[in-house]
């Protein structure tokens, strides 16, 4: 018995990858540069 259908897992994983990339981009920006 599966809790999540495969497409939902793929969707979540894809969003996690995107947010991780965005987080890296943001963290690479100089913080003092508003």
PDB file of N, CA and C in Angstrom:
ATOM      1  N   UNK A   1       0.849  -1.200   0.000  1.00  0.00           N
ATOM      2  CA  UNK A   1       0.000   0.000   0.000  1.00  0.00           C
ATOM      3  C   UNK A   1       0.886   1.252   0.000  1.00  0.00           C
ATOM      4  N   UNK A   2       0.728   2.049  -1.029  1.00  0.00           N
ATOM      5  CA  UNK A   2       1.565   3.241  -1.150  1.00  0.00           C
ATOM      6  C   UNK A   2       0.849   4.472  -0.622  1.00  0.00           C
ATOM      7  N   UNK A   3       1.612   5.295   0.069  1.00  0.00           N
ATOM      8  CA  UNK A   3       1.037   6.547   0.564  1.00  0.00           C
ATOM      9  C   UNK A   3       1.034   7.595  -0.541  1.00  0.00           C
ATOM     10  N   UNK A   4       2.128   7.633  -1.308  1.00  0.00           N
ATOM     11  CA  UNK A   4       2.232   8.624  -2.374  1.00  0.00           C
ATOM     12  C   UNK A   4       2.323   7.939  -3.724  1.00  0.00           C
ATOM     13  N   UNK A   5       1.590   8.434  -4.708  1.00  0.00           N
ATOM     14  CA  UNK A   5       1.765   7.938  -6.073  1.00  0.00           C
ATOM     15  C   UNK A   5       3.108   8.417  -6.614  1.00  0.00           C
ATOM     16  N   UNK A   6       3.697   7.682  -7.552  1.00  0.00           N
ATOM     17  CA  UNK A   6       5.044   8.004  -8.050  1.00  0.00           C
ATOM     18  C   UNK A   6       5.154   9.415  -8.612  1.00  0.00           C
ATOM     19  N   UNK A   7       4.124   9.881  -9.300  1.00  0.00           N
ATOM     20  CA  UNK A   7       4.231  11.210  -9.906  1.00  0.00           C
ATOM     21  C   UNK A   7       4.314  12.287  -8.827  1.00  0.00           C
ATOM     22  N   UNK A   8       3.671  12.037  -7.695  1.00  0.00           N
ATOM     23  CA  UNK A   8       3.725  13.006  -6.596  1.00  0.00           C
ATOM     24  C   UNK A   8       5.136  13.045  -5.996  1.00  0.00           C
ATOM     25  N   UNK A   9       5.735  11.868  -5.863  1.00  0.00           N
ATOM     26  CA  UNK A   9       7.112  11.804  -5.356  1.00  0.00           C
ATOM     27  C   UNK A   9       8.052  12.547  -6.295  1.00  0.00           C
ATOM     28  N   UNK A  10       7.894  12.323  -7.594  1.00  0.00           N
ATOM     29  CA  UNK A  10       8.743  13.015  -8.571  1.00  0.00           C
ATOM     30  C   UNK A  10       8.536  14.520  -8.487  1.00  0.00           C
ATOM     31  N   UNK A  11       7.286  14.917  -8.348  1.00  0.00           N
ATOM     32  CA  UNK A  11       6.967  16.344  -8.264  1.00  0.00           C
ATOM     33  C   UNK A  11       7.644  16.978  -7.044  1.00  0.00           C
ATOM     34  N   UNK A  12       7.534  16.314  -5.903  1.00  0.00           N
ATOM     35  CA  UNK A  12       8.138  16.820  -4.670  1.00  0.00           C
ATOM     36  C   UNK A  12       9.657  16.874  -4.796  1.00  0.00           C
ATOM     37  N   UNK A  13      10.251  15.826  -5.343  1.00  0.00           N
ATOM     38  CA  UNK A  13      11.708  15.802  -5.505  1.00  0.00           C
ATOM     39  C   UNK A  13      12.162  16.919  -6.423  1.00  0.00           C
ATOM     40  N   UNK A  14      11.408  17.151  -7.481  1.00  0.00           N
ATOM     41  CA  UNK A  14      11.777  18.205  -8.423  1.00  0.00           C
ATOM     42  C   UNK A  14      11.708  19.572  -7.733  1.00  0.00           C
ATOM     43  N   UNK A  15      10.672  19.769  -6.921  1.00  0.00           N
ATOM     44  CA  UNK A  15      10.545  21.040  -6.198  1.00  0.00           C
ATOM     45  C   UNK A  15      11.662  21.201  -5.172  1.00  0.00           C
ATOM     46  N   UNK A  16      12.042  20.107  -4.529  1.00  0.00           N
ATOM     47  CA  UNK A  16      13.138  20.175  -3.562  1.00  0.00           C
ATOM     48  C   UNK A  16      14.429  20.574  -4.257  1.00  0.00           C
ATOM     49  N   UNK A  17      14.668  20.018  -5.433  1.00  0.00           N
ATOM     50  CA  UNK A  17      15.870  20.375  -6.184  1.00  0.00           C
ATOM     51  C   UNK A  17      15.852  21.849  -6.549  1.00  0.00           C
ATOM     52  N   UNK A  18      14.701  22.333  -6.973  1.00  0.00           N
ATOM     53  CA  UNK A  18      14.585  23.743  -7.358  1.00  0.00           C
ATOM     54  C   UNK A  18      14.829  24.656  -6.163  1.00  0.00           C
ATOM     55  N   UNK A  19      14.224  24.338  -5.042  1.00  0.00           N
ATOM     56  CA  UNK A  19      14.391  25.189  -3.864  1.00  0.00           C
ATOM     57  C   UNK A  19      15.833  25.149  -3.372  1.00  0.00           C
ATOM     58  N   UNK A  20      16.475  23.993  -3.510  1.00  0.00           N
ATOM     59  CA  UNK A  20      17.871  23.890  -3.089  1.00  0.00           C
ATOM     60  C   UNK A  20      18.756  24.754  -3.986  1.00  0.00           C
ATOM     61  N   UNK A  21      18.481  24.725  -5.278  1.00  0.00           N
ATOM     62  CA  UNK A  21      19.236  25.566  -6.212  1.00  0.00           C
ATOM     63  C   UNK A  21      19.016  27.037  -5.904  1.00  0.00           C
ATOM     64  N   UNK A  22      17.774  27.407  -5.657  1.00  0.00           N
ATOM     65  CA  UNK A  22      17.471  28.802  -5.324  1.00  0.00           C
ATOM     66  C   UNK A  22      18.176  29.209  -4.036  1.00  0.00           C
ATOM     67  N   UNK A  23      18.159  28.320  -3.071  1.00  0.00           N
ATOM     68  CA  UNK A  23      18.806  28.619  -1.799  1.00  0.00           C
ATOM     69  C   UNK A  23      20.308  28.836  -1.987  1.00  0.00           C
ATOM     70  N   UNK A  24      20.921  28.031  -2.841  1.00  0.00           N
ATOM     71  CA  UNK A  24      22.353  28.192  -3.114  1.00  0.00           C
ATOM     72  C   UNK A  24      22.621  29.514  -3.807  1.00  0.00           C
ATOM     73  N   UNK A  25      21.770  29.848  -4.767  1.00  0.00           N
ATOM     74  CA  UNK A  25      21.942  31.117  -5.478  1.00  0.00           C
ATOM     75  C   UNK A  25      21.827  32.290  -4.506  1.00  0.00           C
ATOM     76  N   UNK A  26      20.824  32.240  -3.659  1.00  0.00           N
ATOM     77  CA  UNK A  26      20.609  33.318  -2.690  1.00  0.00           C
ATOM     78  C   UNK A  26      21.778  33.397  -1.703  1.00  0.00           C
ATOM     79  N   UNK A  27      22.242  32.255  -1.249  1.00  0.00           N
ATOM     80  CA  UNK A  27      23.340  32.256  -0.277  1.00  0.00           C
ATOM     81  C   UNK A  27      24.647  32.710  -0.921  1.00  0.00           C
ATOM     82  N   UNK A  28      24.740  32.581  -2.248  1.00  0.00           N
ATOM     83  CA  UNK A  28      25.936  33.049  -2.945  1.00  0.00           C
ATOM     84  C   UNK A  28      25.936  34.558  -3.114  1.00  0.00           C
ATOM     85  N   UNK A  29      24.760  35.152  -3.046  1.00  0.00           N
ATOM     86  CA  UNK A  29      24.683  36.609  -3.137  1.00  0.00           C
ATOM     87  C   UNK A  29      25.303  37.243  -1.896  1.00  0.00           C
ATOM     88  N   UNK A  30      25.984  38.362  -2.062  1.00  0.00           N
ATOM     89  CA  UNK A  30      26.501  39.075  -0.888  1.00  0.00           C
ATOM     90  C   UNK A  30      25.345  39.604  -0.040  1.00  0.00           C
ATOM     91  N   UNK A  31      25.373  39.300   1.245  1.00  0.00           N
ATOM     92  CA  UNK A  31      24.233  39.640   2.100  1.00  0.00           C
ATOM     93  C   UNK A  31      24.166  41.136   2.396  1.00  0.00           C
ATOM     94  N   UNK A  32      25.312  41.801   2.395  1.00  0.00           N
ATOM     95  CA  UNK A  32      25.303  43.229   2.702  1.00  0.00           C
ATOM     96  C   UNK A  32      24.820  44.052   1.517  1.00  0.00           C
ATOM     97  N   UNK A  33      24.662  43.402   0.374  1.00  0.00           N
ATOM     98  CA  UNK A  33      24.221  44.114  -0.830  1.00  0.00           C
ATOM     99  C   UNK A  33      22.708  44.001  -0.951  1.00  0.00           C
ATOM    100  N   UNK A  34      21.980  44.904  -0.334  1.00  0.00           N
ATOM    101  CA  UNK A  34      20.513  44.814  -0.338  1.00  0.00           C
ATOM    102  C   UNK A  34      19.940  45.129  -1.693  1.00  0.00           C
TER     103      UNK A  34
END
